[in-house]
Amino acid sequence: MNGDFQIVWSTSLKWLPAYKQLMQWLILMNKLFIKDIDVHKKRVLVRTDYNVPFDDFGNITDDSRIRATLPTINFLLDECAKVIIASH
């Protein structure tokens, strides 16, 4: 039975990057975005990653992760939501 089939990895996996990109797109299209959910006057837990680099004096040297969350937080506040931020 071992001689009945042959797997050719070098040619069969050439489509893998395109497949992965397609799967990522499909996953993204199935996700709900914050504007798709009714958050008006509701409590909303926002999980964030605020691990930011500091200098020797404790000053934040790159606040891009913090600034990236502002549109979401502002949207929730505009919807009169109670925003709870959980960072790790």
C-alpha atoms as a PDB file:
ATOM      1  CA  MET A   1       0.000   0.000   0.000  1.00  0.00           C
ATOM      2  CA  ASN A   2       2.905   2.366   0.539  1.00  0.00           C
ATOM      3  CA  GLY A   3       3.578   2.610  -3.187  1.00  0.00           C
ATOM      4  CA  ASP A   4      -0.025   3.408  -4.188  1.00  0.00           C
ATOM      5  CA  PHE A   5       0.177   7.165  -3.579  1.00  0.00           C
ATOM      6  CA  GLN A   6       2.737   9.913  -3.445  1.00  0.00           C
ATOM      7  CA  ILE A   7       2.604  13.260  -1.678  1.00  0.00           C
ATOM      8  CA  VAL A   8       4.420  16.081  -3.423  1.00  0.00           C
ATOM      9  CA  TRP A   9       4.766  18.837  -0.854  1.00  0.00           C
ATOM     10  CA  SER A  10       6.698  21.289  -2.979  1.00  0.00           C
ATOM     11  CA  THR A  11       3.936  21.676  -5.564  1.00  0.00           C
ATOM     12  CA  SER A  12       0.836  21.054  -3.455  1.00  0.00           C
ATOM     13  CA  LEU A  13       1.596  23.800  -0.913  1.00  0.00           C
ATOM     14  CA  LYS A  14       2.277  26.610  -3.380  1.00  0.00           C
ATOM     15  CA  TRP A  15      -1.315  27.805  -2.893  1.00  0.00           C
ATOM     16  CA  LEU A  16      -0.974  27.934   0.923  1.00  0.00           C
ATOM     17  CA  PRO A  17      -0.252  31.699   1.269  1.00  0.00           C
ATOM     18  CA  ALA A  18      -3.291  32.547  -0.881  1.00  0.00           C
ATOM     19  CA  TYR A  19      -5.418  30.084   1.096  1.00  0.00           C
ATOM     20  CA  LYS A  20      -4.294  31.584   4.409  1.00  0.00           C
ATOM     21  CA  GLN A  21      -5.065  35.073   3.125  1.00  0.00           C
ATOM     22  CA  LEU A  22      -8.513  33.946   1.971  1.00  0.00           C
ATOM     23  CA  MET A  23      -9.240  32.310   5.331  1.00  0.00           C
ATOM     24  CA  GLN A  24      -8.157  35.460   7.194  1.00  0.00           C
ATOM     25  CA  TRP A  25     -10.473  37.524   5.002  1.00  0.00           C
ATOM     26  CA  LEU A  26     -13.382  35.134   5.613  1.00  0.00           C
ATOM     27  CA  ILE A  27     -12.799  35.226   9.368  1.00  0.00           C
ATOM     28  CA  LEU A  28     -12.668  39.020   9.272  1.00  0.00           C
ATOM     29  CA  MET A  29     -15.896  39.217   7.287  1.00  0.00           C
ATOM     30  CA  ASN A  30     -17.691  37.023   9.852  1.00  0.00           C
ATOM     31  CA  LYS A  31     -16.682  39.198  12.797  1.00  0.00           C
ATOM     32  CA  LEU A  32     -18.936  41.773  14.309  1.00  0.00           C
ATOM     33  CA  PHE A  33     -17.540  45.247  14.599  1.00  0.00           C
ATOM     34  CA  ILE A  34     -18.305  47.650  17.430  1.00  0.00           C
ATOM     35  CA  LYS A  35     -20.686  49.596  15.183  1.00  0.00           C
ATOM     36  CA  ASP A  36     -22.651  46.403  14.467  1.00  0.00           C
ATOM     37  CA  ILE A  37     -23.618  45.957  18.116  1.00  0.00           C
ATOM     38  CA  ASP A  38     -26.185  47.928  20.086  1.00  0.00           C
ATOM     39  CA  VAL A  39     -24.109  49.420  22.911  1.00  0.00           C
ATOM     40  CA  HIS A  40     -26.352  52.376  23.714  1.00  0.00           C
ATOM     41  CA  LYS A  41     -26.446  52.862  27.502  1.00  0.00           C
ATOM     42  CA  LYS A  42     -24.859  49.463  28.137  1.00  0.00           C
ATOM     43  CA  ARG A  43     -21.779  48.381  30.042  1.00  0.00           C
ATOM     44  CA  VAL A  44     -19.005  47.407  27.629  1.00  0.00           C
ATOM     45  CA  LEU A  45     -15.787  45.623  28.553  1.00  0.00           C
ATOM     46  CA  VAL A  46     -12.954  46.611  26.224  1.00  0.00           C
ATOM     47  CA  ARG A  47      -9.890  44.380  26.388  1.00  0.00           C
ATOM     48  CA  THR A  48      -6.766  46.217  25.314  1.00  0.00           C
ATOM     49  CA  ASP A  49      -3.052  45.692  25.062  1.00  0.00           C
ATOM     50  CA  TYR A  50      -1.426  48.691  26.701  1.00  0.00           C
ATOM     51  CA  ASN A  51       2.022  47.145  26.990  1.00  0.00           C
ATOM     52  CA  VAL A  52       3.973  50.227  25.953  1.00  0.00           C
ATOM     53  CA  PRO A  53       7.711  50.859  26.081  1.00  0.00           C
ATOM     54  CA  PHE A  54       9.148  53.127  28.765  1.00  0.00           C
ATOM     55  CA  ASP A  55      12.441  54.987  28.963  1.00  0.00           C
ATOM     56  CA  ASP A  56      14.756  54.948  31.983  1.00  0.00           C
ATOM     57  CA  PHE A  57      12.698  57.681  33.678  1.00  0.00           C
ATOM     58  CA  GLY A  58       9.344  55.909  33.351  1.00  0.00           C
ATOM     59  CA  ASN A  59       8.087  58.012  30.440  1.00  0.00           C
ATOM     60  CA  ILE A  60       6.113  56.295  27.679  1.00  0.00           C
ATOM     61  CA  THR A  61       8.197  56.335  24.488  1.00  0.00           C
ATOM     62  CA  ASP A  62       5.537  55.000  22.093  1.00  0.00           C
ATOM     63  CA  ASP A  63       1.857  55.602  22.836  1.00  0.00           C
ATOM     64  CA  SER A  64       0.509  54.280  19.526  1.00  0.00           C
ATOM     65  CA  ARG A  65      -1.325  51.366  21.201  1.00  0.00           C
ATOM     66  CA  ILE A  66      -3.099  53.757  23.531  1.00  0.00           C
ATOM     67  CA  ARG A  67      -4.004  56.172  20.733  1.00  0.00           C
ATOM     68  CA  ALA A  68      -5.272  53.283  18.576  1.00  0.00           C
ATOM     69  CA  THR A  69      -8.001  52.508  21.128  1.00  0.00           C
ATOM     70  CA  LEU A  70      -9.342  56.065  21.277  1.00  0.00           C
ATOM     71  CA  PRO A  71     -11.783  55.759  18.331  1.00  0.00           C
ATOM     72  CA  THR A  72     -13.420  52.733  19.972  1.00  0.00           C
ATOM     73  CA  ILE A  73     -13.582  54.373  23.401  1.00  0.00           C
ATOM     74  CA  ASN A  74     -14.926  57.628  21.955  1.00  0.00           C
ATOM     75  CA  PHE A  75     -17.572  55.752  19.970  1.00  0.00           C
ATOM     76  CA  LEU A  76     -18.710  53.961  23.120  1.00  0.00           C
ATOM     77  CA  LEU A  77     -18.823  57.207  25.085  1.00  0.00           C
ATOM     78  CA  ASP A  78     -20.846  58.844  22.298  1.00  0.00           C
ATOM     79  CA  GLU A  79     -23.313  55.955  22.681  1.00  0.00           C
ATOM     80  CA  CYS A  80     -23.575  56.712  26.432  1.00  0.00           C
ATOM     81  CA  ALA A  81     -22.028  53.342  27.224  1.00  0.00           C
ATOM     82  CA  LYS A  82     -20.258  52.656  30.488  1.00  0.00           C
ATOM     83  CA  VAL A  83     -16.781  51.734  29.350  1.00  0.00           C
ATOM     84  CA  ILE A  84     -14.705  49.261  31.360  1.00  0.00           C
ATOM     85  CA  ILE A  85     -11.138  48.915  30.092  1.00  0.00           C
ATOM     86  CA  ALA A  86      -9.157  45.780  30.914  1.00  0.00           C
ATOM     87  CA  SER A  87      -5.508  45.831  29.960  1.00  0.00           C
ATOM     88  CA  HIS A  88      -2.836  43.233  30.303  1.00  0.00           C
END
